[in-house]
C-alpha cells in the first residue's frame, strides 16, 4: 500500500473549511472530516488513478457528500495530498507554488 503524505497547507486548510459549517453542528463537521480521511486512506491511497485537472496539473477528487475536492499526485510508493479546496472554488485562483510541505 502507498504511504500517505499530507502537506501542511492541507492540514491548515481542512479545519478552516470545516469551521465554515459550524452552523450545521459538531456531528456534521465530524462526518465531513471522517469522509475526507476515509477518502484519502481507503480510496485514493489504494486506487489513486483519476483524471488530471487540466488547470492545475494534479488529480482532483471530489469527496462524496461534502463540498470538498482533494488535489493530489502519486507514484507507486506515495500518495501526496497537496490541498483541499471547496468544490465551487475557481481553480484558476489556486496557487500551487504556495503549498507548504
N, C-alpha and C. Protein backbone atom coordinates (compact mmCIF):
# COMPACT_ATOMS: atom_id res chain seq x y z
N UNK A 1 0.84 -1.18 0.00
CA UNK A 1 0.00 0.00 0.00
C UNK A 1 0.88 1.25 0.00
N UNK A 2 0.40 2.30 -0.63
CA UNK A 2 1.14 3.56 -0.68
C UNK A 2 1.16 4.24 0.69
N UNK A 3 2.27 4.90 0.97
CA UNK A 3 2.27 5.78 2.14
C UNK A 3 1.52 7.05 1.76
N UNK A 4 1.08 7.77 2.76
CA UNK A 4 0.30 8.99 2.55
C UNK A 4 1.07 10.16 3.14
N UNK A 5 1.23 11.20 2.33
CA UNK A 5 1.86 12.42 2.82
C UNK A 5 0.90 13.57 2.61
N UNK A 6 0.59 14.27 3.69
CA UNK A 6 -0.31 15.42 3.66
C UNK A 6 0.50 16.70 3.80
N UNK A 7 0.30 17.64 2.91
CA UNK A 7 1.02 18.91 3.02
C UNK A 7 0.55 19.67 4.26
N UNK A 8 1.40 20.55 4.74
CA UNK A 8 1.00 21.42 5.84
C UNK A 8 -0.15 22.32 5.39
N UNK A 9 -0.15 22.68 4.14
CA UNK A 9 -1.24 23.50 3.60
C UNK A 9 -2.57 22.76 3.71
N UNK A 10 -2.59 21.48 3.40
CA UNK A 10 -3.80 20.67 3.57
C UNK A 10 -4.20 20.65 5.04
N UNK A 11 -3.23 20.39 5.91
CA UNK A 11 -3.50 20.30 7.36
C UNK A 11 -4.05 21.62 7.91
N UNK A 12 -3.62 22.73 7.36
CA UNK A 12 -4.12 24.04 7.80
C UNK A 12 -5.51 24.34 7.23
N UNK A 13 -5.73 23.94 5.99
CA UNK A 13 -6.96 24.30 5.29
C UNK A 13 -8.16 23.46 5.73
N UNK A 14 -7.96 22.18 6.02
CA UNK A 14 -9.08 21.32 6.39
C UNK A 14 -9.87 21.87 7.58
N UNK A 15 -9.24 22.21 8.70
CA UNK A 15 -10.02 22.76 9.82
C UNK A 15 -10.72 24.08 9.47
N UNK A 16 -10.08 24.88 8.63
CA UNK A 16 -10.69 26.15 8.23
C UNK A 16 -11.95 25.91 7.41
N UNK A 17 -11.88 24.97 6.47
CA UNK A 17 -13.06 24.65 5.66
C UNK A 17 -14.16 24.04 6.53
N UNK A 18 -13.79 23.15 7.43
CA UNK A 18 -14.78 22.52 8.30
C UNK A 18 -15.46 23.55 9.20
N UNK A 19 -14.70 24.54 9.65
CA UNK A 19 -15.25 25.57 10.55
C UNK A 19 -16.35 26.39 9.87
N UNK A 20 -16.33 26.45 8.55
CA UNK A 20 -17.37 27.18 7.83
C UNK A 20 -18.74 26.52 8.00
N UNK A 21 -18.75 25.25 8.42
CA UNK A 21 -20.01 24.54 8.60
C UNK A 21 -20.47 24.43 10.03
N UNK A 22 -19.94 25.26 10.92
CA UNK A 22 -20.31 25.15 12.34
C UNK A 22 -21.80 25.33 12.59
N UNK A 23 -22.47 26.06 11.72
CA UNK A 23 -23.92 26.25 11.91
C UNK A 23 -24.69 24.95 11.75
N UNK A 24 -24.07 23.94 11.15
CA UNK A 24 -24.72 22.64 10.96
C UNK A 24 -24.49 21.70 12.15
N UNK A 25 -23.58 22.07 13.05
CA UNK A 25 -23.35 21.30 14.25
C UNK A 25 -22.11 20.40 14.19
N UNK A 26 -21.71 19.98 15.38
CA UNK A 26 -20.49 19.18 15.53
C UNK A 26 -20.57 17.83 14.83
N UNK A 27 -21.75 17.22 14.83
CA UNK A 27 -21.89 15.90 14.19
C UNK A 27 -21.66 15.99 12.69
N UNK A 28 -22.13 17.05 12.07
CA UNK A 28 -21.94 17.23 10.63
C UNK A 28 -20.47 17.46 10.33
N UNK A 29 -19.82 18.29 11.13
CA UNK A 29 -18.39 18.55 10.94
C UNK A 29 -17.60 17.26 11.10
N UNK A 30 -17.90 16.48 12.11
CA UNK A 30 -17.20 15.20 12.33
C UNK A 30 -17.42 14.26 11.15
N UNK A 31 -18.64 14.24 10.62
CA UNK A 31 -18.93 13.38 9.46
C UNK A 31 -18.11 13.81 8.24
N UNK A 32 -18.04 15.11 7.98
CA UNK A 32 -17.27 15.60 6.83
C UNK A 32 -15.79 15.27 7.00
N UNK A 33 -15.25 15.48 8.20
CA UNK A 33 -13.85 15.15 8.46
C UNK A 33 -13.60 13.66 8.24
N UNK A 34 -14.50 12.84 8.73
CA UNK A 34 -14.38 11.39 8.57
C UNK A 34 -14.41 10.99 7.09
N UNK A 35 -15.26 11.63 6.32
CA UNK A 35 -15.34 11.33 4.89
C UNK A 35 -14.05 11.69 4.17
N UNK A 36 -13.44 12.82 4.55
CA UNK A 36 -12.18 13.23 3.94
C UNK A 36 -11.09 12.21 4.27
N UNK A 37 -10.97 11.86 5.54
CA UNK A 37 -9.94 10.90 5.97
C UNK A 37 -10.16 9.55 5.29
N UNK A 38 -11.40 9.08 5.27
CA UNK A 38 -11.70 7.80 4.64
C UNK A 38 -11.33 7.83 3.15
N UNK A 39 -11.66 8.90 2.47
CA UNK A 39 -11.35 9.02 1.05
C UNK A 39 -9.85 8.94 0.81
N UNK A 40 -9.08 9.63 1.63
CA UNK A 40 -7.63 9.61 1.46
C UNK A 40 -7.08 8.22 1.75
N UNK A 41 -7.45 7.65 2.88
CA UNK A 41 -6.85 6.39 3.33
C UNK A 41 -7.37 5.16 2.60
N UNK A 42 -8.65 5.15 2.23
CA UNK A 42 -9.24 3.92 1.70
C UNK A 42 -9.64 3.98 0.23
N UNK A 43 -9.66 5.15 -0.34
CA UNK A 43 -9.98 5.26 -1.76
C UNK A 43 -8.72 5.65 -2.53
N UNK A 44 -8.20 6.84 -2.27
CA UNK A 44 -7.09 7.35 -3.07
C UNK A 44 -5.78 6.61 -2.84
N UNK A 45 -5.48 6.24 -1.62
CA UNK A 45 -4.22 5.53 -1.36
C UNK A 45 -4.20 4.18 -2.08
N UNK A 46 -5.37 3.58 -2.22
CA UNK A 46 -5.44 2.27 -2.86
C UNK A 46 -5.71 2.34 -4.36
N UNK A 47 -6.46 3.35 -4.79
CA UNK A 47 -6.84 3.49 -6.20
C UNK A 47 -6.70 4.95 -6.63
N UNK A 48 -5.49 5.45 -6.73
CA UNK A 48 -5.30 6.88 -6.96
C UNK A 48 -5.53 7.37 -8.39
N UNK A 49 -5.58 6.47 -9.33
CA UNK A 49 -5.65 6.91 -10.72
C UNK A 49 -6.97 7.62 -11.00
N UNK A 50 -6.87 8.90 -11.25
CA UNK A 50 -8.02 9.75 -11.56
C UNK A 50 -7.58 10.73 -12.64
N UNK A 51 -8.52 11.33 -13.32
CA UNK A 51 -8.14 12.33 -14.33
C UNK A 51 -7.38 13.50 -13.71
N UNK A 52 -6.44 14.02 -14.46
CA UNK A 52 -5.68 15.19 -14.02
C UNK A 52 -6.47 16.44 -14.38
N UNK A 53 -6.61 17.33 -13.41
CA UNK A 53 -7.29 18.60 -13.65
C UNK A 53 -6.47 19.39 -14.66
N UNK A 54 -7.05 19.80 -15.78
CA UNK A 54 -6.27 20.50 -16.81
C UNK A 54 -5.76 21.87 -16.38
N UNK A 55 -6.41 22.48 -15.41
CA UNK A 55 -5.98 23.80 -14.94
C UNK A 55 -4.80 23.67 -13.98
N UNK A 56 -4.85 22.66 -13.09
CA UNK A 56 -3.87 22.56 -12.01
C UNK A 56 -2.76 21.55 -12.27
N UNK A 57 -2.99 20.60 -13.13
CA UNK A 57 -1.97 19.59 -13.38
C UNK A 57 -1.86 18.54 -12.29
N UNK A 58 -2.84 18.50 -11.39
CA UNK A 58 -2.90 17.49 -10.33
C UNK A 58 -4.20 16.72 -10.49
N UNK A 59 -4.25 15.56 -9.89
CA UNK A 59 -5.51 14.83 -9.83
C UNK A 59 -6.45 15.57 -8.88
N UNK A 60 -7.72 15.58 -9.22
CA UNK A 60 -8.73 16.24 -8.40
C UNK A 60 -9.83 15.23 -8.11
N UNK A 61 -10.15 15.05 -6.83
CA UNK A 61 -11.15 14.06 -6.46
C UNK A 61 -12.16 14.68 -5.51
N UNK A 62 -13.44 14.73 -5.92
CA UNK A 62 -14.47 15.27 -5.03
C UNK A 62 -14.81 14.25 -3.93
N UNK A 63 -14.84 14.71 -2.70
CA UNK A 63 -15.16 13.84 -1.57
C UNK A 63 -16.67 13.71 -1.47
N UNK A 64 -17.17 12.49 -1.54
CA UNK A 64 -18.60 12.21 -1.54
C UNK A 64 -19.31 12.84 -0.34
N UNK A 65 -20.46 13.44 -0.63
CA UNK A 65 -21.33 14.06 0.37
C UNK A 65 -20.64 15.17 1.17
N UNK A 66 -19.70 15.84 0.52
CA UNK A 66 -19.06 17.04 1.08
C UNK A 66 -18.91 18.04 -0.06
N UNK A 67 -18.63 19.30 0.26
CA UNK A 67 -18.36 20.26 -0.81
C UNK A 67 -16.87 20.32 -1.18
N UNK A 68 -16.07 19.35 -0.73
CA UNK A 68 -14.62 19.43 -0.84
C UNK A 68 -14.06 18.61 -2.01
N UNK A 69 -12.93 19.11 -2.52
CA UNK A 69 -12.17 18.43 -3.57
C UNK A 69 -10.74 18.31 -3.08
N UNK A 70 -10.18 17.10 -3.21
CA UNK A 70 -8.79 16.85 -2.85
C UNK A 70 -7.92 16.98 -4.10
N UNK A 71 -6.82 17.70 -3.97
CA UNK A 71 -5.86 17.85 -5.06
C UNK A 71 -4.61 17.09 -4.67
N UNK A 72 -4.18 16.16 -5.53
CA UNK A 72 -3.09 15.26 -5.15
C UNK A 72 -2.33 14.75 -6.36
N UNK A 73 -1.20 14.14 -6.08
CA UNK A 73 -0.48 13.36 -7.08
C UNK A 73 0.02 12.11 -6.37
N UNK A 74 0.64 11.22 -7.12
CA UNK A 74 1.05 9.94 -6.54
C UNK A 74 2.08 9.25 -7.43
N UNK A 75 2.73 8.29 -6.85
CA UNK A 75 3.55 7.35 -7.60
C UNK A 75 3.31 5.97 -6.98
N UNK A 76 4.13 5.00 -7.32
CA UNK A 76 3.90 3.64 -6.80
C UNK A 76 4.06 3.54 -5.29
N UNK A 77 4.83 4.44 -4.70
CA UNK A 77 5.11 4.35 -3.26
C UNK A 77 4.32 5.32 -2.39
N UNK A 78 3.87 6.44 -2.97
CA UNK A 78 3.34 7.50 -2.12
C UNK A 78 2.17 8.25 -2.77
N UNK A 79 1.18 8.58 -1.94
CA UNK A 79 0.11 9.50 -2.30
C UNK A 79 0.42 10.81 -1.61
N UNK A 80 0.45 11.90 -2.38
CA UNK A 80 0.77 13.22 -1.83
C UNK A 80 -0.45 14.12 -1.99
N UNK A 81 -1.08 14.48 -0.87
CA UNK A 81 -2.25 15.36 -0.90
C UNK A 81 -1.74 16.79 -0.72
N UNK A 82 -1.87 17.56 -1.78
CA UNK A 82 -1.37 18.93 -1.79
C UNK A 82 -2.33 19.87 -1.07
N UNK A 83 -3.62 19.81 -1.46
CA UNK A 83 -4.60 20.76 -0.93
C UNK A 83 -5.98 20.13 -0.86
N UNK A 84 -6.81 20.76 -0.07
CA UNK A 84 -8.24 20.51 -0.10
C UNK A 84 -8.87 21.87 -0.38
N UNK A 85 -9.81 21.89 -1.33
CA UNK A 85 -10.46 23.15 -1.69
C UNK A 85 -11.97 22.93 -1.69
N UNK A 86 -12.71 24.02 -1.66
CA UNK A 86 -14.15 23.95 -1.81
C UNK A 86 -14.43 23.69 -3.29
N UNK A 87 -15.35 22.79 -3.56
CA UNK A 87 -15.64 22.40 -4.94
C UNK A 87 -16.10 23.54 -5.82
N UNK A 88 -16.68 24.57 -5.23
CA UNK A 88 -17.15 25.71 -6.00
C UNK A 88 -16.08 26.75 -6.28
N UNK A 89 -14.90 26.52 -5.75
CA UNK A 89 -13.81 27.49 -5.91
C UNK A 89 -13.33 27.56 -7.35
N UNK A 90 -12.98 28.73 -7.79
CA UNK A 90 -12.38 28.92 -9.11
C UNK A 90 -10.97 28.33 -9.07
N UNK A 91 -10.76 27.25 -9.77
CA UNK A 91 -9.47 26.55 -9.70
C UNK A 91 -8.33 27.36 -10.30
N UNK A 92 -8.64 28.34 -11.13
CA UNK A 92 -7.56 29.18 -11.65
C UNK A 92 -6.98 30.06 -10.55
N UNK A 93 -7.69 30.20 -9.42
CA UNK A 93 -7.20 31.01 -8.29
C UNK A 93 -6.30 30.22 -7.37
N UNK A 94 -6.16 28.92 -7.58
CA UNK A 94 -5.32 28.07 -6.72
C UNK A 94 -3.86 28.27 -7.12
N UNK A 95 -3.04 28.64 -6.16
CA UNK A 95 -1.61 28.86 -6.41
C UNK A 95 -0.83 27.71 -5.76
N UNK A 96 -0.49 26.73 -6.56
CA UNK A 96 0.22 25.56 -6.04
C UNK A 96 1.64 25.87 -5.58
N UNK A 97 2.18 26.98 -6.02
CA UNK A 97 3.54 27.35 -5.57
C UNK A 97 3.55 27.73 -4.09
N UNK A 98 2.38 27.97 -3.51
CA UNK A 98 2.30 28.34 -2.10
C UNK A 98 2.03 27.15 -1.18
N UNK A 99 1.93 25.95 -1.75
CA UNK A 99 1.73 24.76 -0.92
C UNK A 99 2.98 24.52 -0.09
N UNK A 100 2.77 24.37 1.22
CA UNK A 100 3.88 24.14 2.15
C UNK A 100 3.85 22.68 2.59
N UNK A 101 5.01 22.06 2.51
CA UNK A 101 5.11 20.66 2.95
C UNK A 101 5.76 20.63 4.31
